[in-house]
N, C-alpha and C. Protein backbone atom coordinates (compact mmCIF):
# COMPACT_ATOMS: atom_id res chain seq x y z
N MET A 1 95.86 81.61 144.49
CA MET A 1 95.49 81.94 143.40
C MET A 1 95.58 83.34 143.04
N ASN A 2 96.36 83.62 142.15
CA ASN A 2 96.56 84.83 141.56
C ASN A 2 95.30 85.66 140.79
N ASN A 3 95.22 86.81 141.27
CA ASN A 3 93.90 87.38 141.28
C ASN A 3 94.39 88.50 140.25
N ASN A 4 95.39 88.71 140.15
CA ASN A 4 96.10 89.73 139.30
C ASN A 4 95.32 89.19 137.66
N ILE A 5 95.52 90.46 137.02
CA ILE A 5 95.20 89.94 135.48
C ILE A 5 96.30 91.07 134.42
N ALA A 6 96.41 90.41 133.57
CA ALA A 6 97.03 91.25 132.13
C ALA A 6 95.82 91.05 130.92
N VAL A 7 96.05 92.47 130.26
CA VAL A 7 95.28 92.85 129.13
C VAL A 7 96.02 93.23 127.54
N ILE A 8 95.78 93.06 126.83
CA ILE A 8 96.48 93.36 125.78
C ILE A 8 95.20 93.49 124.62
N PHE A 9 95.73 94.97 124.50
CA PHE A 9 94.77 95.43 123.27
C PHE A 9 95.51 95.55 122.03
N TYR A 10 94.58 94.56 120.91
CA TYR A 10 95.37 95.07 119.54
C TYR A 10 94.54 95.32 118.48
N GLY A 11 94.79 95.76 117.35
CA GLY A 11 93.82 96.76 116.38
C GLY A 11 95.17 97.77 115.58
N PRO A 12 94.65 98.27 114.31
CA PRO A 12 95.61 98.62 113.46
C PRO A 12 95.95 100.17 114.02
N PRO A 13 97.12 100.88 113.22
CA PRO A 13 97.28 101.93 114.40
C PRO A 13 95.88 103.25 114.21
N GLY A 14 96.19 103.93 115.32
CA GLY A 14 95.05 104.83 115.51
C GLY A 14 93.81 104.10 115.75
N SER A 15 93.68 102.74 116.05
CA SER A 15 92.07 102.31 116.35
C SER A 15 91.82 102.14 117.71
N GLY A 16 92.80 102.94 118.72
CA GLY A 16 92.55 103.77 120.08
C GLY A 16 92.82 102.71 121.27
N LYS A 17 93.77 101.65 120.71
CA LYS A 17 94.75 100.79 121.79
C LYS A 17 95.13 101.38 122.92
N GLY A 18 96.06 102.51 122.54
CA GLY A 18 96.38 103.58 123.93
C GLY A 18 95.71 104.03 124.57
N THR A 19 94.57 104.50 123.79
CA THR A 19 93.05 105.79 124.81
C THR A 19 92.85 104.39 125.60
N GLN A 20 92.32 103.03 125.07
CA GLN A 20 91.74 102.13 125.63
C GLN A 20 92.43 101.68 126.93
N ALA A 21 93.78 101.73 126.62
CA ALA A 21 94.61 100.93 127.63
C ALA A 21 94.92 102.06 128.97
N LYS A 22 94.77 103.10 128.75
CA LYS A 22 94.84 104.36 129.91
C LYS A 22 93.77 104.19 130.24
N LEU A 23 92.53 104.30 130.01
CA LEU A 23 91.55 104.17 130.58
C LEU A 23 91.31 103.23 131.59
N LEU A 24 91.41 102.03 131.25
CA LEU A 24 91.33 101.03 132.03
C LEU A 24 92.22 100.70 132.89
N SER A 25 93.79 101.19 132.62
CA SER A 25 94.69 101.48 133.74
C SER A 25 94.08 102.39 134.85
N ASP A 26 93.49 103.35 134.21
CA ASP A 26 93.08 104.48 135.40
C ASP A 26 91.92 103.59 136.33
N LYS A 27 90.96 103.24 135.54
CA LYS A 27 89.89 102.60 136.41
C LYS A 27 90.12 101.19 137.44
N LEU A 28 90.92 100.46 136.71
CA LEU A 28 91.29 98.79 137.45
C LEU A 28 92.50 99.28 138.38
N ASN A 29 93.22 100.49 138.14
CA ASN A 29 94.76 100.21 138.73
C ASN A 29 95.58 99.73 138.40
N LEU A 30 95.57 99.21 136.72
CA LEU A 30 96.91 98.45 136.12
C LEU A 30 97.70 99.20 135.79
N TYR A 31 98.90 98.71 135.84
CA TYR A 31 100.26 99.22 135.20
C TYR A 31 100.29 99.35 133.59
N LEU A 32 100.34 100.48 133.01
CA LEU A 32 99.96 100.64 131.64
C LEU A 32 101.44 100.53 131.06
N PHE A 33 101.26 99.35 130.19
CA PHE A 33 102.31 99.07 129.41
C PHE A 33 102.14 99.74 127.98
N ASP A 34 102.41 100.87 127.46
CA ASP A 34 102.55 101.24 126.18
C ASP A 34 103.72 101.03 125.51
N THR A 35 103.80 99.71 124.65
CA THR A 35 105.12 99.43 124.21
C THR A 35 105.67 100.67 123.24
N GLY A 36 104.83 100.97 122.40
CA GLY A 36 105.27 102.12 121.59
C GLY A 36 106.02 103.54 122.55
N ASP A 37 105.36 103.74 123.42
CA ASP A 37 105.86 104.53 124.04
C ASP A 37 107.16 103.88 125.00
N PHE A 38 107.27 102.56 125.48
CA PHE A 38 108.32 102.30 126.03
C PHE A 38 109.59 102.27 125.42
N LEU A 39 109.53 101.81 123.86
CA LEU A 39 110.55 101.91 123.12
C LEU A 39 111.05 102.94 122.67
N ARG A 40 110.01 104.44 122.45
CA ARG A 40 110.42 105.66 122.28
C ARG A 40 111.21 106.05 123.40
N LYS A 41 111.03 105.78 124.84
CA LYS A 41 111.58 106.30 126.07
C LYS A 41 112.88 105.63 126.03
N ILE A 42 113.24 104.59 125.24
CA ILE A 42 114.50 103.65 125.21
C ILE A 42 115.32 105.02 124.30
N PHE A 43 115.03 104.68 123.06
CA PHE A 43 115.29 105.83 122.08
C PHE A 43 115.73 106.98 122.22
N SER A 44 114.88 107.77 122.95
CA SER A 44 115.13 109.06 123.24
C SER A 44 116.37 109.42 124.13
N ASN A 45 116.25 108.48 124.99
CA ASN A 45 117.31 108.27 126.38
C ASN A 45 118.94 108.70 126.01
N PRO A 46 119.13 109.99 126.52
CA PRO A 46 120.53 110.31 126.11
C PRO A 46 121.69 109.03 126.45
N LYS A 47 121.11 108.34 127.41
CA LYS A 47 122.48 107.46 128.08
C LYS A 47 122.88 106.49 126.77
N PHE A 48 121.89 106.20 125.86
CA PHE A 48 122.22 105.21 125.06
C PHE A 48 122.43 105.80 123.57
N LYS A 49 122.84 107.09 123.46
CA LYS A 49 123.06 107.90 122.06
C LYS A 49 124.60 106.94 121.69
N ASN A 50 125.23 106.50 122.23
CA ASN A 50 126.25 105.72 121.54
C ASN A 50 126.06 104.47 121.34
N ASN A 51 124.91 103.56 121.95
CA ASN A 51 124.33 102.19 121.71
C ASN A 51 124.55 101.83 120.50
N LYS A 52 124.85 101.26 119.71
CA LYS A 52 125.25 100.46 118.55
C LYS A 52 124.07 100.17 118.02
N GLU A 53 123.26 98.84 118.88
CA GLU A 53 122.26 98.05 119.00
C GLU A 53 120.76 98.90 119.10
N ILE A 54 120.64 99.87 119.78
CA ILE A 54 119.37 100.78 120.31
C ILE A 54 119.44 101.75 119.16
N GLN A 55 120.58 102.03 118.58
CA GLN A 55 120.41 103.20 117.46
C GLN A 55 120.11 102.66 116.39
N ALA A 56 120.81 101.32 116.12
CA ALA A 56 120.15 100.44 114.72
C ALA A 56 118.45 100.37 114.80
N GLN A 57 117.93 100.10 116.18
CA GLN A 57 116.54 99.91 115.93
C GLN A 57 115.81 101.15 116.09
N LYS A 58 116.50 102.26 116.46
CA LYS A 58 115.58 103.60 116.24
C LYS A 58 115.73 104.05 115.32
N ARG A 59 116.73 103.70 114.09
CA ARG A 59 116.31 103.88 112.73
C ARG A 59 115.38 103.44 111.90
N LEU A 60 115.37 102.04 112.32
CA LEU A 60 114.18 101.47 111.64
C LEU A 60 112.48 102.16 112.37
N TYR A 61 113.16 102.28 113.55
CA TYR A 61 111.19 102.37 113.71
C TYR A 61 111.05 103.95 113.00
N ASN A 62 112.10 104.78 113.59
CA ASN A 62 111.61 106.27 112.57
C ASN A 62 111.63 106.06 110.68
N GLU A 63 112.01 104.64 110.68
CA GLU A 63 111.52 104.78 108.91
C GLU A 63 109.94 104.23 108.86
N GLY A 64 109.10 103.70 110.02
CA GLY A 64 108.45 102.93 110.30
C GLY A 64 108.32 101.79 110.24
N LYS A 65 109.21 101.36 110.25
CA LYS A 65 109.74 99.31 110.21
C LYS A 65 109.72 99.00 111.35
N LEU A 66 109.15 97.56 111.54
CA LEU A 66 108.96 97.26 112.64
C LEU A 66 110.47 96.58 113.68
N VAL A 67 110.63 96.99 114.62
CA VAL A 67 112.22 97.00 114.94
C VAL A 67 111.94 95.36 115.21
N SER A 68 113.75 94.93 115.66
CA SER A 68 113.53 93.61 115.99
C SER A 68 112.83 92.89 116.99
N PHE A 69 111.98 91.79 116.39
CA PHE A 69 111.26 91.06 117.25
C PHE A 69 111.87 90.44 118.50
N GLU A 70 113.05 90.11 118.49
CA GLU A 70 113.75 89.33 119.46
C GLU A 70 114.72 90.49 120.68
N TRP A 71 114.86 91.75 119.92
CA TRP A 71 115.24 92.69 121.13
C TRP A 71 113.92 93.15 121.71
N VAL A 72 112.79 93.70 120.81
CA VAL A 72 111.61 94.01 121.97
C VAL A 72 111.21 92.86 122.68
N LEU A 73 111.07 91.60 122.35
CA LEU A 73 110.52 90.46 123.39
C LEU A 73 111.74 90.63 124.60
N LYS A 74 113.01 90.50 124.44
CA LYS A 74 113.93 90.75 125.32
C LYS A 74 113.31 91.79 126.48
N ASN A 75 113.30 92.88 126.16
CA ASN A 75 113.11 94.01 127.00
C ASN A 75 112.25 94.06 127.31
N VAL A 76 110.86 93.38 126.59
CA VAL A 76 109.05 93.71 127.36
C VAL A 76 109.49 92.62 128.24
N SER A 77 109.96 91.41 127.98
CA SER A 77 109.97 90.29 128.99
C SER A 77 110.31 90.77 130.45
N GLN A 78 111.71 91.21 130.10
CA GLN A 78 112.24 92.01 131.20
C GLN A 78 111.51 92.73 132.18
N LYS A 79 110.87 93.58 131.62
CA LYS A 79 110.13 94.96 132.18
C LYS A 79 108.68 93.81 133.22
N VAL A 80 108.44 92.96 132.48
CA VAL A 80 107.08 92.23 132.75
C VAL A 80 107.31 91.24 134.25
N LYS A 81 108.64 90.86 133.91
CA LYS A 81 109.09 90.32 134.98
C LYS A 81 109.11 90.90 136.50
N GLU A 82 109.68 92.22 135.89
CA GLU A 82 109.66 93.05 137.27
C GLU A 82 108.68 93.53 138.06
N LEU A 83 107.51 93.60 137.04
CA LEU A 83 106.30 94.02 137.44
C LEU A 83 105.55 92.61 138.21
N ALA A 84 105.55 91.62 137.79
CA ALA A 84 105.49 90.45 138.81
C ALA A 84 106.09 90.22 139.95
N LYS A 85 107.12 90.79 140.25
CA LYS A 85 107.60 90.76 141.52
C LYS A 85 107.27 91.59 142.05
N LEU A 86 106.57 92.69 141.55
CA LEU A 86 105.68 93.93 142.42
C LEU A 86 104.31 93.66 142.74
N ASP A 87 103.61 92.26 142.16
CA ASP A 87 102.46 91.91 142.41
C ASP A 87 101.60 92.90 141.56
N GLN A 88 102.09 93.26 140.53
CA GLN A 88 101.30 94.09 139.55
C GLN A 88 100.67 93.60 138.43
N SER A 89 99.31 94.22 138.40
CA SER A 89 98.67 93.75 137.20
C SER A 89 98.93 94.86 135.87
N VAL A 90 98.56 94.30 134.86
CA VAL A 90 99.05 95.02 133.59
C VAL A 90 98.49 95.35 132.61
N VAL A 91 98.42 96.28 131.65
CA VAL A 91 97.58 96.36 130.34
C VAL A 91 98.67 96.69 129.28
N PHE A 92 98.54 96.09 128.44
CA PHE A 92 99.36 96.26 127.04
C PHE A 92 98.91 97.09 126.02
N SER A 93 99.34 97.70 125.14
CA SER A 93 98.75 98.57 124.18
C SER A 93 100.37 98.41 123.06
N GLY A 94 100.32 97.53 122.01
CA GLY A 94 101.29 97.44 121.24
C GLY A 94 101.89 95.89 121.31
N SER A 95 101.49 95.29 122.21
CA SER A 95 102.60 93.94 122.42
C SER A 95 101.54 93.10 122.62
N ALA A 96 101.48 91.58 122.02
CA ALA A 96 102.85 91.21 121.03
C ALA A 96 102.56 91.42 119.75
N ARG A 97 103.55 92.22 118.76
CA ARG A 97 103.01 92.18 117.57
C ARG A 97 103.51 91.09 117.05
N SER A 98 104.15 90.23 117.02
CA SER A 98 104.29 89.11 116.02
C SER A 98 104.42 87.70 116.44
N LEU A 99 103.97 86.65 115.91
CA LEU A 99 103.82 85.41 116.13
C LEU A 99 105.36 84.97 117.32
N PHE A 100 106.47 85.53 116.87
CA PHE A 100 107.77 85.38 117.64
C PHE A 100 107.50 86.29 118.97
N GLU A 101 107.19 87.34 118.85
CA GLU A 101 106.86 87.96 120.37
C GLU A 101 105.85 87.61 121.12
N ALA A 102 104.91 86.55 120.59
CA ALA A 102 103.86 86.21 121.31
C ALA A 102 103.71 84.93 121.67
N PHE A 103 104.53 84.34 120.75
CA PHE A 103 104.64 82.66 121.39
C PHE A 103 106.44 82.02 121.57
N GLY A 104 107.31 83.19 120.93
CA GLY A 104 108.29 82.66 120.90
C GLY A 104 108.77 81.61 119.80
N ASP A 105 110.04 80.71 120.09
CA ASP A 105 110.22 79.39 119.34
C ASP A 105 111.25 78.62 120.46
N ASN A 106 111.89 77.55 119.81
CA ASN A 106 112.25 76.57 120.73
C ASN A 106 113.37 77.11 121.86
N LYS A 107 114.37 78.57 121.30
CA LYS A 107 114.78 78.94 122.03
C LYS A 107 114.57 80.10 123.23
N HIS A 108 113.01 80.51 122.76
CA HIS A 108 112.81 81.97 123.28
C HIS A 108 110.93 81.88 123.87
N LYS A 109 110.99 82.03 124.95
CA LYS A 109 109.38 82.05 125.44
C LYS A 109 108.81 83.27 124.89
N GLY A 110 107.70 83.08 124.30
CA GLY A 110 106.93 84.15 124.15
C GLY A 110 106.42 85.04 125.10
N LEU A 111 105.78 86.24 124.83
CA LEU A 111 105.43 86.99 125.81
C LEU A 111 103.96 86.43 126.34
N VAL A 112 103.22 85.73 125.51
CA VAL A 112 101.50 85.22 125.88
C VAL A 112 101.92 84.06 126.62
N LYS A 113 103.35 83.25 126.46
CA LYS A 113 103.49 82.36 127.40
C LYS A 113 104.15 82.74 128.91
N ILE A 114 104.59 84.06 128.77
CA ILE A 114 105.26 84.63 130.03
C ILE A 114 103.84 84.84 131.01
N LEU A 115 103.30 85.55 130.02
CA LEU A 115 101.96 85.65 131.10
C LEU A 115 101.10 85.03 131.44
N GLU A 116 101.08 83.93 130.63
CA GLU A 116 100.21 82.70 131.15
C GLU A 116 100.70 81.89 132.41
N GLU A 117 101.91 82.23 132.50
CA GLU A 117 102.68 81.65 133.73
C GLU A 117 102.82 82.34 134.91
N ILE A 118 102.64 83.50 135.00
CA ILE A 118 102.65 84.56 135.63
C ILE A 118 101.06 84.62 136.33
N PHE A 119 100.17 85.08 135.62
CA PHE A 119 98.90 85.39 136.02
C PHE A 119 97.84 84.13 135.67
N GLY A 120 98.02 83.27 135.03
CA GLY A 120 97.09 82.19 134.93
C GLY A 120 96.07 82.68 133.35
N LYS A 121 96.25 81.56 132.52
CA LYS A 121 95.05 81.73 131.31
C LYS A 121 93.96 82.43 131.59
N HIS A 122 93.44 82.16 132.42
CA HIS A 122 92.13 82.31 132.64
C HIS A 122 92.03 84.02 133.31
N ASN A 123 93.14 84.75 133.44
CA ASN A 123 93.09 85.77 133.86
C ASN A 123 93.73 86.76 132.72
N LEU A 124 93.83 86.03 131.49
CA LEU A 124 94.51 86.79 130.27
C LEU A 124 93.22 87.70 129.75
N TYR A 125 93.37 88.75 129.44
CA TYR A 125 92.37 89.56 128.51
C TYR A 125 92.98 89.90 127.09
N PHE A 126 92.16 89.40 126.20
CA PHE A 126 92.72 90.05 124.93
C PHE A 126 91.65 90.81 123.82
N PHE A 127 91.85 91.87 123.44
CA PHE A 127 90.68 92.70 123.14
C PHE A 127 91.24 93.12 121.74
N TYR A 128 90.37 92.88 120.63
CA TYR A 128 90.79 93.30 119.36
C TYR A 128 89.80 94.63 118.85
N LEU A 129 90.32 95.83 118.66
CA LEU A 129 89.78 97.27 118.10
C LEU A 129 89.72 97.42 116.99
N ASP A 130 88.82 97.30 116.07
CA ASP A 130 88.54 96.94 114.55
C ASP A 130 88.43 98.37 114.14
N ILE A 131 88.73 98.78 112.90
CA ILE A 131 88.68 99.90 112.20
C ILE A 131 89.13 99.57 111.04
N SER A 132 88.90 100.47 109.80
CA SER A 132 89.43 100.46 108.38
C SER A 132 90.57 101.30 108.25
N ASP A 133 91.20 100.74 107.26
CA ASP A 133 92.64 101.34 106.75
C ASP A 133 92.72 102.69 106.22
N GLU A 134 91.29 102.98 105.95
CA GLU A 134 90.81 104.18 105.57
C GLU A 134 90.92 105.63 106.86
N GLU A 135 89.97 104.86 108.16
CA GLU A 135 90.15 105.40 109.20
C GLU A 135 91.28 105.55 109.73
N SER A 136 92.18 104.37 109.86
CA SER A 136 93.65 104.40 110.39
C SER A 136 94.71 105.57 110.02
N ILE A 137 94.69 105.89 108.47
CA ILE A 137 95.06 106.85 107.97
C ILE A 137 94.83 108.18 108.11
N LYS A 138 93.47 108.11 108.10
CA LYS A 138 93.02 109.89 108.30
C LYS A 138 93.38 109.84 109.86
N ARG A 139 93.01 109.05 110.95
CA ARG A 139 93.65 108.97 112.44
C ARG A 139 94.76 109.61 112.83
N ASN A 140 95.49 108.89 112.20
CA ASN A 140 97.39 109.03 112.16
C ASN A 140 97.69 110.04 111.79
N SER A 141 97.32 110.65 110.82
CA SER A 141 97.97 111.58 109.80
C SER A 141 97.53 113.23 110.46
N ARG A 142 96.09 113.23 111.32
CA ARG A 142 95.52 114.78 111.91
C ARG A 142 96.05 114.28 113.49
N ARG A 143 96.62 113.08 114.07
CA ARG A 143 96.99 113.22 115.27
C ARG A 143 97.98 113.99 115.90
N LEU A 144 97.58 114.60 117.10
CA LEU A 144 98.45 115.17 117.77
C LEU A 144 98.68 114.70 119.30
N ILE A 145 99.76 114.49 119.73
CA ILE A 145 100.38 114.16 121.02
C ILE A 145 100.67 115.16 121.87
N CYS A 146 100.01 114.66 123.58
CA CYS A 146 101.09 115.45 124.03
C CYS A 146 102.11 114.59 125.00
N PRO A 147 103.25 115.04 125.18
CA PRO A 147 104.23 113.85 125.85
C PRO A 147 104.42 113.74 126.96
N THR A 148 103.12 114.74 127.66
CA THR A 148 103.27 114.53 129.12
C THR A 148 102.27 113.78 129.46
N CYS A 149 100.96 114.24 128.69
CA CYS A 149 99.65 113.62 129.06
C CYS A 149 99.45 112.48 128.60
N LYS A 150 100.30 112.02 127.17
CA LYS A 150 99.53 110.80 126.38
C LYS A 150 98.53 111.32 125.78
N ASN A 151 97.90 112.61 125.62
CA ASN A 151 96.58 112.80 125.20
C ASN A 151 96.90 112.42 123.65
N ALA A 152 95.86 111.88 123.14
CA ALA A 152 96.24 111.62 121.83
C ALA A 152 94.61 111.96 121.15
N LEU A 153 93.72 112.60 122.14
CA LEU A 153 92.39 113.64 121.47
C LEU A 153 92.43 114.59 120.88
N LEU A 154 93.56 115.11 120.41
CA LEU A 154 93.56 116.44 120.08
C LEU A 154 93.77 116.49 118.31
N ALA A 155 93.13 115.80 117.60
CA ALA A 155 93.31 115.78 116.29
C ALA A 155 92.30 116.66 115.73
N PHE A 156 91.17 117.01 116.13
CA PHE A 156 90.22 118.06 116.02
C PHE A 156 90.85 119.39 116.21
N ALA A 157 91.92 119.57 117.17
CA ALA A 157 92.36 121.03 117.46
C ALA A 157 93.33 121.32 116.69
N SER A 158 93.74 121.11 115.23
CA SER A 158 95.00 121.51 114.84
C SER A 158 95.61 122.99 114.88
N SER A 159 94.84 123.72 115.38
CA SER A 159 95.59 125.26 115.93
C SER A 159 96.15 125.14 116.79
N MET A 160 95.33 124.15 117.98
CA MET A 160 96.27 123.85 119.24
C MET A 160 97.75 124.10 119.09
N LYS A 161 98.32 124.43 120.03
CA LYS A 161 99.63 124.44 120.01
C LYS A 161 100.37 123.82 121.50
N ASN A 162 99.43 124.16 122.75
CA ASN A 162 99.74 123.68 123.93
C ASN A 162 98.57 122.78 124.33
N CYS A 163 98.87 121.80 125.04
CA CYS A 163 97.99 120.94 125.68
C CYS A 163 97.04 121.39 126.70
N PRO A 164 95.64 121.27 126.57
CA PRO A 164 94.64 121.94 127.38
C PRO A 164 94.67 121.66 128.89
N LEU A 165 95.24 120.44 129.07
CA LEU A 165 95.39 119.50 130.16
C LEU A 165 96.65 119.91 131.26
N CYS A 166 97.67 119.80 130.63
CA CYS A 166 98.86 120.28 131.41
C CYS A 166 99.54 121.68 130.95
N GLY A 167 99.50 122.31 129.60
CA GLY A 167 100.24 122.74 129.09
C GLY A 167 101.61 122.62 128.49
N ASP A 168 101.78 121.40 128.40
CA ASP A 168 102.90 121.22 127.36
C ASP A 168 102.84 121.23 126.02
N LYS A 169 103.77 121.29 125.21
CA LYS A 169 103.62 121.32 123.81
C LYS A 169 103.35 120.22 123.39
N ILE A 170 102.21 120.21 122.19
CA ILE A 170 101.93 119.65 121.58
C ILE A 170 102.66 119.16 120.36
N GLU A 171 102.56 117.80 119.96
CA GLU A 171 103.34 117.62 118.52
C GLU A 171 102.95 116.33 117.70
N HIS A 172 103.17 116.30 116.61
CA HIS A 172 103.04 115.00 115.87
C HIS A 172 104.12 114.02 116.31
N ARG A 173 103.77 112.88 116.41
CA ARG A 173 104.96 111.57 116.27
C ARG A 173 105.48 111.55 115.06
N SER A 174 106.85 111.03 115.42
CA SER A 174 107.67 110.90 113.98
C SER A 174 107.19 109.63 113.17
N ASP A 175 106.47 108.94 113.56
CA ASP A 175 106.02 108.00 113.05
C ASP A 175 104.44 108.07 112.41
N ASP A 176 104.04 109.48 112.25
CA ASP A 176 102.78 109.74 112.01
C ASP A 176 102.62 110.43 110.22
N LYS A 177 103.57 110.16 110.03
CA LYS A 177 103.43 110.96 108.09
C LYS A 177 102.71 109.62 107.68
N LYS A 178 101.94 109.63 106.30
CA LYS A 178 100.94 109.36 105.83
C LYS A 178 101.98 107.72 105.07
N GLU A 179 102.63 108.08 104.45
CA GLU A 179 104.01 107.32 103.92
C GLU A 179 104.09 106.14 104.91
N ILE A 180 104.30 106.40 106.11
CA ILE A 180 105.01 105.65 107.27
C ILE A 180 103.65 104.81 107.89
N ILE A 181 102.27 105.56 107.82
CA ILE A 181 100.78 104.62 108.51
C ILE A 181 101.10 103.54 107.41
N VAL A 182 100.90 104.28 106.12
CA VAL A 182 100.80 103.06 104.65
C VAL A 182 101.53 101.82 105.52
N LYS A 183 102.80 101.95 105.29
CA LYS A 183 103.89 100.96 105.86
C LYS A 183 103.30 100.15 107.12
N ARG A 184 103.16 100.96 108.19
CA ARG A 184 102.84 99.88 109.26
C ARG A 184 101.54 99.46 109.22
N LEU A 185 100.47 99.77 108.37
CA LEU A 185 99.55 98.94 108.37
C LEU A 185 99.65 97.81 107.40
N LYS A 186 100.43 97.65 106.43
CA LYS A 186 100.65 96.48 105.70
C LYS A 186 101.44 95.74 106.61
N GLU A 187 102.46 96.08 107.54
CA GLU A 187 103.39 95.30 108.08
C GLU A 187 102.21 94.73 109.26
N TYR A 188 101.47 95.42 109.78
CA TYR A 188 100.48 95.31 110.97
C TYR A 188 99.45 93.95 110.13
N ARG A 189 99.32 93.84 108.76
CA ARG A 189 97.91 93.12 108.51
C ARG A 189 99.32 91.78 108.20
N GLN A 190 100.49 91.79 108.24
CA GLN A 190 100.79 90.72 108.29
C GLN A 190 101.83 90.25 108.99
N MET A 191 101.98 91.00 109.89
CA MET A 191 102.81 90.59 110.86
C MET A 191 101.77 90.31 112.40
N THR A 192 100.63 91.16 112.52
CA THR A 192 99.77 91.08 113.80
C THR A 192 98.65 90.40 113.88
N LEU A 193 98.10 90.51 112.88
CA LEU A 193 96.93 89.88 112.56
C LEU A 193 96.85 88.42 112.42
N PRO A 194 98.00 87.84 112.36
CA PRO A 194 98.25 86.20 112.03
C PRO A 194 98.51 86.01 113.86
N VAL A 195 98.65 87.15 114.87
CA VAL A 195 98.68 86.78 116.09
C VAL A 195 97.68 86.36 116.37
N ILE A 196 96.74 87.08 116.25
CA ILE A 196 95.20 87.09 116.62
C ILE A 196 94.61 85.78 116.32
N LYS A 197 94.82 85.42 114.89
CA LYS A 197 94.30 84.13 114.82
C LYS A 197 95.06 82.96 115.18
N GLU A 198 96.29 82.86 115.78
CA GLU A 198 96.86 82.09 116.38
C GLU A 198 96.43 81.76 118.13
N LEU A 199 95.86 82.86 118.69
CA LEU A 199 95.24 83.29 119.68
C LEU A 199 94.13 82.36 119.65
N LYS A 200 93.17 82.50 119.04
CA LYS A 200 92.26 82.06 118.86
C LYS A 200 92.13 80.25 118.55
N LYS A 201 93.53 80.02 117.69
CA LYS A 201 93.42 78.67 117.27
C LYS A 201 93.62 77.87 118.96
N ARG A 202 95.02 78.65 119.72
CA ARG A 202 95.06 78.15 121.03
C ARG A 202 94.07 78.10 122.00
N LYS A 203 93.02 78.72 121.97
CA LYS A 203 91.59 78.70 122.51
C LYS A 203 91.67 80.11 123.81
N TYR A 204 92.50 80.80 123.56
CA TYR A 204 92.52 82.08 124.20
C TYR A 204 91.60 82.89 123.54
N LYS A 205 90.46 83.43 124.66
CA LYS A 205 89.25 84.55 124.06
C LYS A 205 89.85 85.69 123.43
N VAL A 206 89.69 85.99 122.05
CA VAL A 206 89.88 87.42 121.80
C VAL A 206 88.82 87.90 121.74
N ILE A 207 88.35 89.06 122.32
CA ILE A 207 87.15 89.66 122.30
C ILE A 207 87.44 90.94 121.03
N LYS A 208 86.45 90.70 120.16
CA LYS A 208 86.55 91.96 118.93
C LYS A 208 85.59 92.93 118.94
N ILE A 209 85.85 94.14 119.09
CA ILE A 209 84.86 95.46 119.60
C ILE A 209 85.18 96.61 118.09
N ASP A 210 84.27 96.87 117.74
CA ASP A 210 84.13 98.07 117.00
C ASP A 210 85.15 99.00 117.21
N GLY A 211 86.11 99.88 116.90
CA GLY A 211 86.72 101.08 116.99
C GLY A 211 86.13 102.38 116.50
N MET A 212 84.97 102.20 115.97
CA MET A 212 84.68 103.59 115.53
C MET A 212 83.60 104.66 116.05
N PRO A 213 82.97 103.82 117.19
CA PRO A 213 82.41 104.64 117.97
C PRO A 213 83.36 105.84 118.93
N ALA A 214 82.67 107.12 119.73
CA ALA A 214 83.60 107.30 120.69
C ALA A 214 84.31 106.66 121.68
N PRO A 215 85.29 106.91 122.08
CA PRO A 215 86.12 106.39 123.26
C PRO A 215 85.36 105.86 124.62
N TYR A 216 84.25 106.63 125.14
CA TYR A 216 83.73 106.29 126.17
C TYR A 216 83.00 105.32 125.80
N LYS A 217 82.07 105.14 124.81
CA LYS A 217 81.33 104.23 124.64
C LYS A 217 81.89 102.86 124.13
N ILE A 218 82.89 102.83 123.63
CA ILE A 218 84.19 101.76 123.60
C ILE A 218 84.46 101.25 125.04
N PHE A 219 84.83 102.22 125.41
CA PHE A 219 84.93 101.62 126.94
C PHE A 219 84.20 100.87 128.07
N ASN A 220 82.95 101.73 127.88
CA ASN A 220 82.09 100.79 128.42
C ASN A 220 81.63 99.46 128.19
N LYS A 221 81.78 99.26 127.03
CA LYS A 221 81.53 97.93 126.33
C LYS A 221 82.76 97.02 127.13
N ILE A 222 83.93 97.56 126.93
CA ILE A 222 85.00 96.71 127.72
C ILE A 222 85.13 96.17 128.96
N LEU A 223 84.29 97.19 129.41
CA LEU A 223 83.83 96.96 131.01
C LEU A 223 83.39 96.08 131.67
N ASN A 224 82.22 95.52 130.48
CA ASN A 224 81.40 94.61 130.77
C ASN A 224 82.19 93.27 131.06
N TYR A 225 83.22 92.88 130.46
CA TYR A 225 84.32 92.00 130.71
C TYR A 225 84.77 91.55 131.78
N PHE A 226 84.36 92.62 132.66
CA PHE A 226 85.85 92.71 134.01
C PHE A 226 84.78 92.60 135.00
């Protein structure tokens, strides 16, 4: 029997998906699959600067639009299968964002099905971190990121120029402008919330958690499920 697990965190932009995924990864020794970070690494890789397909997806991403579901599913699925060969448990932040990515169609297996085949349905965990649109905009528009530590808890230190943990220069992400956040929220409601509804319909357990408390309090609640 497969004792490895797969965990997916859902929630609007700024709800803490990445933070909780990182904490759980460290605690349970899971491979941290941050889809946004995974895509940004592809987009920033110099060897892909002349790749027309990748550059087209990069333009969509930088404009705050969702990149191609089929393109994301192809790349994420490939990586998941590589991890499975290494007998590695995994935690996701940001996948699967659409019904197609989650459940596929007649020609494509969705990520949820792939994970179920690898880990077993009873070893899949879905968490939904809930915050308001107002809180999402507030958090994202103030957020600073350390590209090395992936530390997103620097929003309250706007005068800082360097990460207090590693010393790297902290920065705003290109998709954290208010107008882009509003677009991402709209697309989240239209594209991702239906995934949560469909998961429940298909009898997957989706655990809803208030995303407003301090991260450590949220994390303690999450740990109760393992």
